[in-house]
């Protein structure tokens, strides 16, 4: 009979990477944010011990850069030693951030850490109770970009035990930087029971049987990585059936809060502050309720506040946007310093405009306004027009969809963001046309 096993699948830990928190000089917050990545990994180790897992698999980017920092390497060494004392193995491939695997390690690692070669696919056999219980296949990156079709060589001898494959990939056949491969090609390797993927920072269940998963990053580092972060706990029974469960482990999460002023009659900034306070308090209460039922607590939420809609307050925003942003940030950062969890206001985006009478009614009564809406719909659906639009917006909007491929000074406009920008533009155009009519 095949042995049952239990393991944790994690990836994209990025030890030594700092959080984008904009936390100024507050010592308490700085301590939470600076230790968030390490605390998330410590939670991972605690989970492994409490669940008595057999091993942990790390599907690339354990470190944030090829030249490991000594502090981060020492931290990993200490955590690995703790796991070794509990009889828990660690299987690691390196990714695009930490290529070349064990060759770049600063310290000699304990015997329970198994790095896969960057030259070829290797197979490690895991034994339990004196019997072969699983095989783990993997290959590390040898440089920052990997165009090799590694998956072709992921071949297990047979299907007598549970076969796990570690691969760091963008899961795109057209992406030659991060192991070009698509879902169907992975599924063609029928002897693989579980594809443990890394590289994409959002948790994704790509396929059920065989199981294909991205665990996402263990700890988010910027506002584009919103929501809970953690790892996947996997249980395999004697019939090779799996049960997967996402485990939230990150002490800090990122979240965007949207405040739509369109239908609200606000007379002054004080009333705006009251609305913001209500939003933040509701979020804090929601996190507190979730923490009651969660072993690994969320200590802080880094938020971006988006204020949008047509409002009488646009006058104040338009006249001195920077001063208003500074005032609101100062107000709500000060309020949260003694709260738990912290709701830290990272930044504020204003997407407001002057009040406008019923837009739908205006469109019905004036074909010109409806034509504007028709043009927006066409731009969003016609690929050629869409490319012309992005070209008009300039190079700053020519960023890659994958944040890891995107320059810091560029943005990526997905269809949802394009829709929001064009809708705001529509309202501005109609406002100007109405002004001309007057």
Protein backbone atom coordinates (compact mmCIF):
# COMPACT_ATOMS: atom_id res chain seq x y z
CA UNK A 1 0.00 0.00 0.00
CA UNK A 2 1.17 3.54 -0.85
CA UNK A 3 2.06 5.72 2.15
CA UNK A 4 -0.06 8.81 2.82
CA UNK A 5 1.93 12.06 2.98
CA UNK A 6 1.44 15.68 3.92
CA UNK A 7 3.43 18.62 2.59
CA UNK A 8 3.40 22.41 2.18
CA UNK A 9 3.75 24.12 -1.19
CA UNK A 10 5.15 27.66 -1.09
CA UNK A 11 7.02 29.98 -3.46
CA UNK A 12 8.08 33.58 -4.08
CA UNK A 13 9.17 34.26 -0.52
CA UNK A 14 11.67 36.95 -1.56
CA UNK A 15 13.65 37.11 1.67
CA UNK A 16 15.24 40.57 2.17
CA UNK A 17 12.68 42.37 0.01
CA UNK A 18 11.17 45.43 1.70
CA UNK A 19 7.48 46.29 1.79
CA UNK A 20 6.29 49.41 -0.01
CA UNK A 21 4.63 50.97 3.04
CA UNK A 22 5.47 54.69 2.94
CA UNK A 23 5.50 54.48 6.73
CA UNK A 24 7.78 57.43 7.38
CA UNK A 25 9.57 57.20 10.73
CA UNK A 26 7.07 55.47 13.02
CA UNK A 27 9.16 52.92 14.90
CA UNK A 28 6.34 50.51 15.75
CA UNK A 29 5.08 50.33 12.18
CA UNK A 30 8.58 50.10 10.75
CA UNK A 31 9.23 47.06 12.94
CA UNK A 32 6.04 45.31 11.76
CA UNK A 33 6.72 46.08 8.12
CA UNK A 34 10.45 45.33 8.13
CA UNK A 35 9.90 41.93 9.78
CA UNK A 36 6.80 40.96 7.80
CA UNK A 37 8.62 38.65 5.37
CA UNK A 38 10.52 36.86 8.13
CA UNK A 39 7.42 36.58 10.31
CA UNK A 40 5.51 35.03 7.43
CA UNK A 41 8.27 32.43 7.00
CA UNK A 42 8.30 31.76 10.75
CA UNK A 43 4.55 31.18 10.51
CA UNK A 44 5.24 28.74 7.68
CA UNK A 45 7.65 26.81 9.91
CA UNK A 46 5.14 26.82 12.80
CA UNK A 47 2.45 25.48 10.45
CA UNK A 48 4.77 22.73 9.22
CA UNK A 49 5.54 21.63 12.78
CA UNK A 50 1.96 21.85 14.07
CA UNK A 51 0.63 19.89 11.08
CA UNK A 52 3.50 17.38 11.28
CA UNK A 53 4.13 17.63 7.55
CA UNK A 54 6.64 15.38 5.87
CA UNK A 55 8.29 18.10 3.81
CA UNK A 56 8.08 21.64 2.41
CA UNK A 57 8.55 22.43 -1.28
CA UNK A 58 9.68 25.91 -2.36
CA UNK A 59 8.99 26.59 -6.04
CA UNK A 60 11.53 29.36 -6.64
CA UNK A 61 12.49 32.85 -5.43
CA UNK A 62 13.29 31.96 -1.85
CA UNK A 63 15.55 35.04 -1.95
CA UNK A 64 14.91 38.37 -3.64
CA UNK A 65 18.22 38.58 -5.44
CA UNK A 66 21.01 36.40 -6.77
CA UNK A 67 23.56 37.77 -4.30
CA UNK A 68 21.97 36.61 -1.04
CA UNK A 69 22.17 38.92 1.92
CA UNK A 70 24.06 37.41 4.84
CA UNK A 71 21.25 38.20 7.29
CA UNK A 72 18.60 36.53 5.10
CA UNK A 73 20.78 33.51 4.49
CA UNK A 74 21.44 33.13 8.20
CA UNK A 75 17.72 33.46 8.89
CA UNK A 76 16.91 30.67 6.42
CA UNK A 77 19.66 28.51 7.92
CA UNK A 78 18.14 28.86 11.42
CA UNK A 79 14.64 28.01 10.16
CA UNK A 80 15.94 25.01 8.24
CA UNK A 81 17.69 23.75 11.36
CA UNK A 82 14.44 23.98 13.33
CA UNK A 83 12.70 21.91 10.65
CA UNK A 84 15.55 19.40 10.64
CA UNK A 85 15.08 18.90 14.37
CA UNK A 86 11.46 17.99 13.64
CA UNK A 87 12.38 15.58 10.83
CA UNK A 88 10.92 17.83 8.11
CA UNK A 89 12.65 17.93 4.71
CA UNK A 90 12.87 21.00 2.42
CA UNK A 91 13.01 20.78 -1.39
CA UNK A 92 13.96 23.98 -3.23
CA UNK A 93 14.31 25.20 -6.79
CA UNK A 94 15.73 28.64 -7.51
CA UNK A 95 13.79 31.11 -9.65
CA UNK A 96 14.55 34.21 -11.67
CA UNK A 97 15.36 36.30 -8.58
CA UNK A 98 17.76 33.79 -7.00
CA UNK A 99 19.22 31.74 -9.88
CA UNK A 100 21.95 29.11 -9.54
CA UNK A 101 20.48 27.62 -6.38
CA UNK A 102 22.80 26.18 -3.75
CA UNK A 103 25.88 27.52 -5.53
CA UNK A 104 25.03 31.00 -4.22
CA UNK A 105 24.21 30.01 -0.63
CA UNK A 106 26.23 31.91 1.96
CA UNK A 107 26.21 29.19 4.64
CA UNK A 108 26.47 25.42 4.57
CA UNK A 109 22.91 24.17 4.83
CA UNK A 110 21.72 21.24 6.98
CA UNK A 111 21.14 17.84 5.43
CA UNK A 112 17.36 18.28 5.25
CA UNK A 113 17.65 21.02 2.57
CA UNK A 114 17.69 19.69 -0.99
CA UNK A 115 18.44 22.14 -3.81
CA UNK A 116 17.74 21.05 -7.38
CA UNK A 117 20.40 21.41 -10.05
CA UNK A 118 20.25 24.28 -12.55
CA UNK A 119 21.77 22.09 -15.26
CA UNK A 120 19.19 19.33 -15.51
CA UNK A 121 15.99 17.96 -14.02
CA UNK A 122 16.66 15.97 -10.86
CA UNK A 123 14.48 13.50 -8.98
CA UNK A 124 14.58 13.21 -5.19
CA UNK A 125 12.93 10.22 -3.57
CA UNK A 126 11.15 10.69 -0.26
CA UNK A 127 10.90 7.62 1.96
CA UNK A 128 8.52 7.19 4.87
CA UNK A 129 8.39 4.22 7.19
CA UNK A 130 11.14 2.59 5.17
CA UNK A 131 9.13 2.75 1.95
CA UNK A 132 9.21 5.05 -1.07
CA UNK A 133 6.34 7.52 -0.53
CA UNK A 134 6.89 10.28 -3.10
CA UNK A 135 9.17 11.61 -5.80
CA UNK A 136 9.95 15.31 -6.16
CA UNK A 137 11.16 16.49 -9.56
CA UNK A 138 12.65 19.92 -10.20
CA UNK A 139 15.18 22.13 -11.91
CA UNK A 140 16.57 25.49 -10.80
CA UNK A 141 17.13 28.59 -12.92
CA UNK A 142 20.75 29.03 -13.93
CA UNK A 143 20.28 32.72 -14.81
CA UNK A 144 17.70 35.51 -14.47
CA UNK A 145 15.79 34.51 -17.59
CA UNK A 146 15.05 30.92 -18.58
CA UNK A 147 13.88 30.11 -22.10
CA UNK A 148 14.50 26.37 -21.72
CA UNK A 149 11.39 24.19 -22.00
CA UNK A 150 12.27 22.33 -18.80
CA UNK A 151 8.92 20.59 -18.48
CA UNK A 152 9.83 18.27 -21.37
CA UNK A 153 12.32 16.52 -19.11
CA UNK A 154 10.06 16.13 -16.08
CA UNK A 155 9.56 12.39 -16.42
CA UNK A 156 8.91 10.10 -13.46
CA UNK A 157 9.82 6.39 -13.76
CA UNK A 158 6.28 5.23 -12.97
CA UNK A 159 3.03 6.12 -11.17
CA UNK A 160 3.45 3.78 -8.21
CA UNK A 161 3.88 6.73 -5.81
CA UNK A 162 2.92 10.39 -5.68
CA UNK A 163 4.99 12.42 -8.17
CA UNK A 164 5.46 16.15 -7.52
CA UNK A 165 6.99 18.56 -10.04
CA UNK A 166 8.43 21.96 -9.04
CA UNK A 167 8.51 24.58 -11.80
CA UNK A 168 9.04 28.35 -11.75
CA UNK A 169 7.07 29.66 -14.72
CA UNK A 170 4.75 32.39 -15.98
CA UNK A 171 2.64 29.56 -17.45
CA UNK A 172 2.61 31.21 -20.86
CA UNK A 173 3.86 29.61 -24.05
CA UNK A 174 4.72 33.06 -25.44
CA UNK A 175 6.82 34.13 -22.45
CA UNK A 176 10.39 33.10 -23.20
CA UNK A 177 11.79 34.68 -20.05
CA UNK A 178 10.21 32.34 -17.51
CA UNK A 179 10.10 28.77 -18.89
CA UNK A 180 7.62 28.87 -21.80
CA UNK A 181 4.87 26.32 -21.20
CA UNK A 182 1.09 26.26 -21.05
CA UNK A 183 -1.42 24.33 -18.97
CA UNK A 184 -2.11 21.67 -21.59
CA UNK A 185 1.57 20.89 -21.94
CA UNK A 186 1.85 20.37 -18.18
CA UNK A 187 -1.18 18.08 -18.24
CA UNK A 188 0.40 16.02 -21.02
CA UNK A 189 2.90 14.74 -18.43
CA UNK A 190 0.38 12.21 -17.14
CA UNK A 191 2.70 10.64 -14.56
CA UNK A 192 2.83 13.92 -12.55
CA UNK A 193 0.26 14.06 -9.73
CA UNK A 194 0.95 17.61 -8.52
CA UNK A 195 2.49 20.59 -10.31
CA UNK A 196 3.94 22.93 -7.68
CA UNK A 197 4.36 26.20 -9.57
CA UNK A 198 5.98 29.48 -8.61
CA UNK A 199 6.49 32.97 -10.08
CA UNK A 200 2.94 34.42 -10.17
CA UNK A 201 2.24 36.18 -6.88
CA UNK A 202 -1.50 35.51 -6.68
CA UNK A 203 -2.88 32.20 -5.38
CA UNK A 204 -4.33 30.22 -8.29
CA UNK A 205 -5.85 26.79 -8.67
CA UNK A 206 -5.03 26.10 -12.30
CA UNK A 207 -6.29 22.51 -12.43
CA UNK A 208 -7.90 19.97 -10.08
CA UNK A 209 -6.71 16.55 -11.20
CA UNK A 210 -3.87 16.48 -11.60
CA UNK A 211 -3.49 19.35 -9.17
CA UNK A 212 -1.77 22.43 -10.62
CA UNK A 213 -1.30 25.35 -8.22
CA UNK A 214 0.40 28.68 -7.72
CA UNK A 215 0.51 29.40 -3.96
CA UNK A 216 1.24 33.08 -4.60
CA UNK A 217 3.79 35.06 -2.64
CA UNK A 218 4.14 34.22 1.05
CA UNK A 219 4.11 37.91 2.03
CA UNK A 220 2.91 40.68 -0.30
CA UNK A 221 5.28 43.58 -0.88
CA UNK A 222 3.22 46.25 -2.71
CA UNK A 223 -0.32 47.37 -3.44
CA UNK A 224 -0.54 45.29 -6.65
CA UNK A 225 -0.44 42.14 -4.46
CA UNK A 226 -3.71 42.59 -2.62
CA UNK A 227 -5.47 40.22 -0.25
CA UNK A 228 -4.39 37.37 1.99
CA UNK A 229 -1.10 35.63 1.27
CA UNK A 230 0.24 32.29 2.45
CA UNK A 231 0.93 28.73 1.34
CA UNK A 232 -0.89 25.52 0.38
CA UNK A 233 -1.22 22.58 2.76
CA UNK A 234 -1.56 19.34 0.78
CA UNK A 235 -2.65 15.95 2.11
CA UNK A 236 -2.28 12.83 -0.06
CA UNK A 237 -4.08 9.61 0.92
CA UNK A 238 -3.08 6.02 0.17
CA UNK A 239 -5.04 6.15 -3.11
CA UNK A 240 -3.02 9.19 -4.26
CA UNK A 241 -6.04 11.49 -3.87
CA UNK A 242 -5.23 15.00 -2.70
CA UNK A 243 -6.83 17.59 -0.46
CA UNK A 244 -5.48 21.10 -0.77
CA UNK A 245 -6.08 24.02 1.59
CA UNK A 246 -4.80 27.57 1.30
CA UNK A 247 -3.34 28.74 4.63
CA UNK A 248 -3.14 32.48 5.33
CA UNK A 249 0.27 33.22 6.90
CA UNK A 250 1.19 36.82 6.07
CA UNK A 251 1.11 39.29 9.00
CA UNK A 252 0.66 42.26 6.65
CA UNK A 253 -1.75 42.53 3.74
CA UNK A 254 -2.41 45.20 1.11
CA UNK A 255 -5.86 46.42 0.16
CA UNK A 256 -7.40 49.15 -1.97
CA UNK A 257 -10.38 50.98 -0.44
CA UNK A 258 -12.77 52.69 -2.86
CA UNK A 259 -14.99 55.58 -1.80
CA UNK A 260 -17.54 56.66 -4.43
CA UNK A 261 -18.95 60.15 -3.79
CA UNK A 262 -21.27 60.13 -6.82
CA UNK A 263 -24.59 59.85 -4.94
CA UNK A 264 -23.49 61.52 -1.71
CA UNK A 265 -24.31 65.11 -0.82
CA UNK A 266 -21.19 66.38 0.94
CA UNK A 267 -20.86 70.00 2.01
CA UNK A 268 -17.31 70.10 3.33
CA UNK A 269 -14.10 68.16 4.00
CA UNK A 270 -15.23 67.28 7.53
CA UNK A 271 -18.05 65.18 6.06
CA UNK A 272 -15.55 63.53 3.72
CA UNK A 273 -13.35 62.68 6.72
CA UNK A 274 -16.33 61.08 8.43
CA UNK A 275 -16.99 58.87 5.40
CA UNK A 276 -13.32 57.83 5.24
CA UNK A 277 -13.30 57.05 8.97
CA UNK A 278 -16.36 54.82 8.54
CA UNK A 279 -14.70 52.92 5.68
CA UNK A 280 -11.50 52.39 7.66
CA UNK A 281 -13.34 51.37 10.83
CA UNK A 282 -15.43 48.84 8.88
CA UNK A 283 -12.28 47.32 7.40
CA UNK A 284 -10.60 47.14 10.83
CA UNK A 285 -13.63 45.42 12.36
CA UNK A 286 -13.73 42.91 9.49
CA UNK A 287 -10.06 42.03 10.04
CA UNK A 288 -10.58 41.71 13.80
CA UNK A 289 -13.44 39.25 13.23
CA UNK A 290 -11.32 37.20 10.81
CA UNK A 291 -8.40 37.18 13.25
CA UNK A 292 -10.57 35.56 15.91
CA UNK A 293 -10.87 32.44 13.78
CA UNK A 294 -7.33 32.49 12.40
CA UNK A 295 -4.22 31.13 14.05
CA UNK A 296 -1.82 33.42 12.20
CA UNK A 297 -3.10 36.95 12.80
CA UNK A 298 -3.03 39.94 10.48
CA UNK A 299 -1.13 42.70 12.29
CA UNK A 300 -1.50 45.47 9.72
CA UNK A 301 -3.27 46.38 6.50
CA UNK A 302 -1.54 48.78 4.10
CA UNK A 303 -4.26 50.57 2.18
CA UNK A 304 -4.61 52.82 -0.83
CA UNK A 305 -7.70 55.01 -0.73
CA UNK A 306 -9.33 55.79 -4.09
CA UNK A 307 -11.83 58.66 -3.91
CA UNK A 308 -13.93 58.88 -7.05
CA UNK A 309 -17.17 60.27 -8.46
CA UNK A 310 -18.78 63.61 -9.23
CA UNK A 311 -19.03 65.73 -6.13
CA UNK A 312 -19.34 69.31 -4.93
CA UNK A 313 -16.07 68.70 -3.08
CA UNK A 314 -14.18 68.53 -6.38
CA UNK A 315 -13.64 72.28 -6.01
CA UNK A 316 -11.38 71.69 -2.97
CA UNK A 317 -9.63 68.76 -4.63
CA UNK A 318 -8.97 70.66 -7.85
CA UNK A 319 -7.75 73.82 -6.11
CA UNK A 320 -5.17 72.12 -3.89
CA UNK A 321 -4.98 68.36 -4.36
CA UNK A 322 -1.58 67.89 -2.69
CA UNK A 323 -2.52 69.83 0.44
CA UNK A 324 -5.78 67.92 0.83
CA UNK A 325 -3.99 64.58 0.37
CA UNK A 326 -1.39 65.56 2.97
CA UNK A 327 -4.12 66.63 5.42
CA UNK A 328 -6.09 63.41 5.05
CA UNK A 329 -3.00 61.20 5.31
CA UNK A 330 -1.84 63.00 8.45
CA UNK A 331 -5.32 62.76 10.00
CA UNK A 332 -5.87 59.05 9.47
CA UNK A 333 -2.33 57.90 10.09
CA UNK A 334 -2.42 59.58 13.49
CA UNK A 335 -5.77 57.97 14.33
CA UNK A 336 -4.53 54.44 13.68
CA UNK A 337 -1.29 54.42 15.65
CA UNK A 338 -2.87 52.86 18.76
CA UNK A 339 -5.31 50.56 16.95
CA UNK A 340 -5.05 46.84 16.32
CA UNK A 341 -4.78 45.78 13.60
CA UNK A 342 -3.13 48.83 12.08
CA UNK A 343 -4.91 50.19 9.01
CA UNK A 344 -2.06 52.16 7.50
CA UNK A 345 -3.06 54.65 4.81
CA UNK A 346 -0.26 54.36 2.25
CA UNK A 347 -1.62 56.84 -0.32
CA UNK A 348 -4.72 58.54 -1.70
CA UNK A 349 -5.83 58.74 -5.34
CA UNK A 350 -8.42 61.32 -6.38
CA UNK A 351 -10.59 60.49 -9.38
CA UNK A 352 -13.29 63.07 -8.94
CA UNK A 353 -15.04 65.63 -11.15
CA UNK A 354 -17.58 68.42 -10.78
CA UNK A 355 -21.18 67.47 -10.13
CA UNK A 356 -23.26 66.76 -13.22
CA UNK A 357 -27.00 66.35 -13.62
CA UNK A 358 -28.35 62.96 -14.65
CA UNK A 359 -25.84 61.60 -17.18
CA UNK A 360 -28.17 58.94 -18.59
CA UNK A 361 -30.82 61.59 -19.23
CA UNK A 362 -28.28 63.79 -20.96
CA UNK A 363 -27.28 60.92 -23.24
CA UNK A 364 -30.91 60.20 -24.11
CA UNK A 365 -31.57 63.82 -25.05
CA UNK A 366 -28.37 64.47 -26.99
CA UNK A 367 -27.04 61.99 -29.62
CA UNK A 368 -23.59 63.56 -29.36
CA UNK A 369 -23.20 62.33 -25.77
CA UNK A 370 -24.33 58.85 -26.75
CA UNK A 371 -21.76 58.84 -29.57
CA UNK A 372 -19.05 59.42 -26.97
CA UNK A 373 -20.20 56.30 -25.10
CA UNK A 374 -20.29 54.30 -28.34
CA UNK A 375 -16.72 55.39 -29.11
CA UNK A 376 -15.54 54.28 -25.68
CA UNK A 377 -17.15 50.86 -26.16
CA UNK A 378 -15.47 50.53 -29.55
CA UNK A 379 -12.04 51.49 -28.18
CA UNK A 380 -12.33 48.82 -25.49
CA UNK A 381 -13.36 46.06 -27.91
CA UNK A 382 -11.40 46.88 -31.06
CA UNK A 383 -7.77 45.75 -30.66
CA UNK A 384 -6.37 48.19 -33.23
CA UNK A 385 -8.15 51.18 -31.66
CA UNK A 386 -7.08 50.00 -28.23
CA UNK A 387 -3.42 49.96 -29.26
CA UNK A 388 -3.78 53.46 -30.73
CA UNK A 389 -5.23 54.65 -27.43
CA UNK A 390 -2.33 53.25 -25.41
CA UNK A 391 0.13 54.77 -27.87
CA UNK A 392 -1.54 58.17 -27.36
CA UNK A 393 -1.30 57.76 -23.60
CA UNK A 394 2.47 57.52 -24.00
CA UNK A 395 5.35 55.27 -22.95
CA UNK A 396 4.44 55.46 -19.27
CA UNK A 397 1.49 53.12 -20.00
CA UNK A 398 3.53 50.60 -21.97
CA UNK A 399 4.38 48.46 -18.94
CA UNK A 400 4.25 44.67 -18.99
CA UNK A 401 1.27 42.86 -17.45
CA UNK A 402 3.67 40.90 -15.24
CA UNK A 403 4.93 43.24 -12.47
CA UNK A 404 8.32 41.48 -12.46
CA UNK A 405 8.84 42.52 -16.11
CA UNK A 406 7.59 46.07 -15.59
CA UNK A 407 9.91 49.05 -15.14
CA UNK A 408 9.22 51.09 -12.01
CA UNK A 409 8.29 54.17 -14.04
CA UNK A 410 5.69 52.40 -16.17
CA UNK A 411 2.11 51.20 -15.67
CA UNK A 412 -0.02 48.46 -17.18
CA UNK A 413 -3.55 49.40 -18.23
CA UNK A 414 -5.77 46.33 -18.10
CA UNK A 415 -9.28 46.63 -19.51
CA UNK A 416 -10.82 47.45 -16.13
CA UNK A 417 -8.45 50.37 -15.61
CA UNK A 418 -8.97 51.56 -19.19
CA UNK A 419 -12.73 51.52 -18.60
CA UNK A 420 -12.38 53.62 -15.44
CA UNK A 421 -10.12 56.20 -17.14
CA UNK A 422 -12.31 56.47 -20.24
CA UNK A 423 -15.48 56.80 -18.14
CA UNK A 424 -13.87 59.65 -16.20
CA UNK A 425 -12.80 61.23 -19.50
CA UNK A 426 -16.37 60.93 -20.82
CA UNK A 427 -17.73 62.88 -17.87
CA UNK A 428 -15.09 65.59 -18.28
CA UNK A 429 -15.88 65.94 -21.99
CA UNK A 430 -19.62 66.23 -21.35
CA UNK A 431 -19.01 68.80 -18.61
CA UNK A 432 -16.94 70.90 -21.01
CA UNK A 433 -19.55 70.59 -23.76
CA UNK A 434 -22.30 71.68 -21.38
CA UNK A 435 -20.15 74.66 -20.38
CA UNK A 436 -19.72 75.64 -24.02
CA UNK A 437 -23.47 75.44 -24.52
CA UNK A 438 -23.98 77.91 -21.69
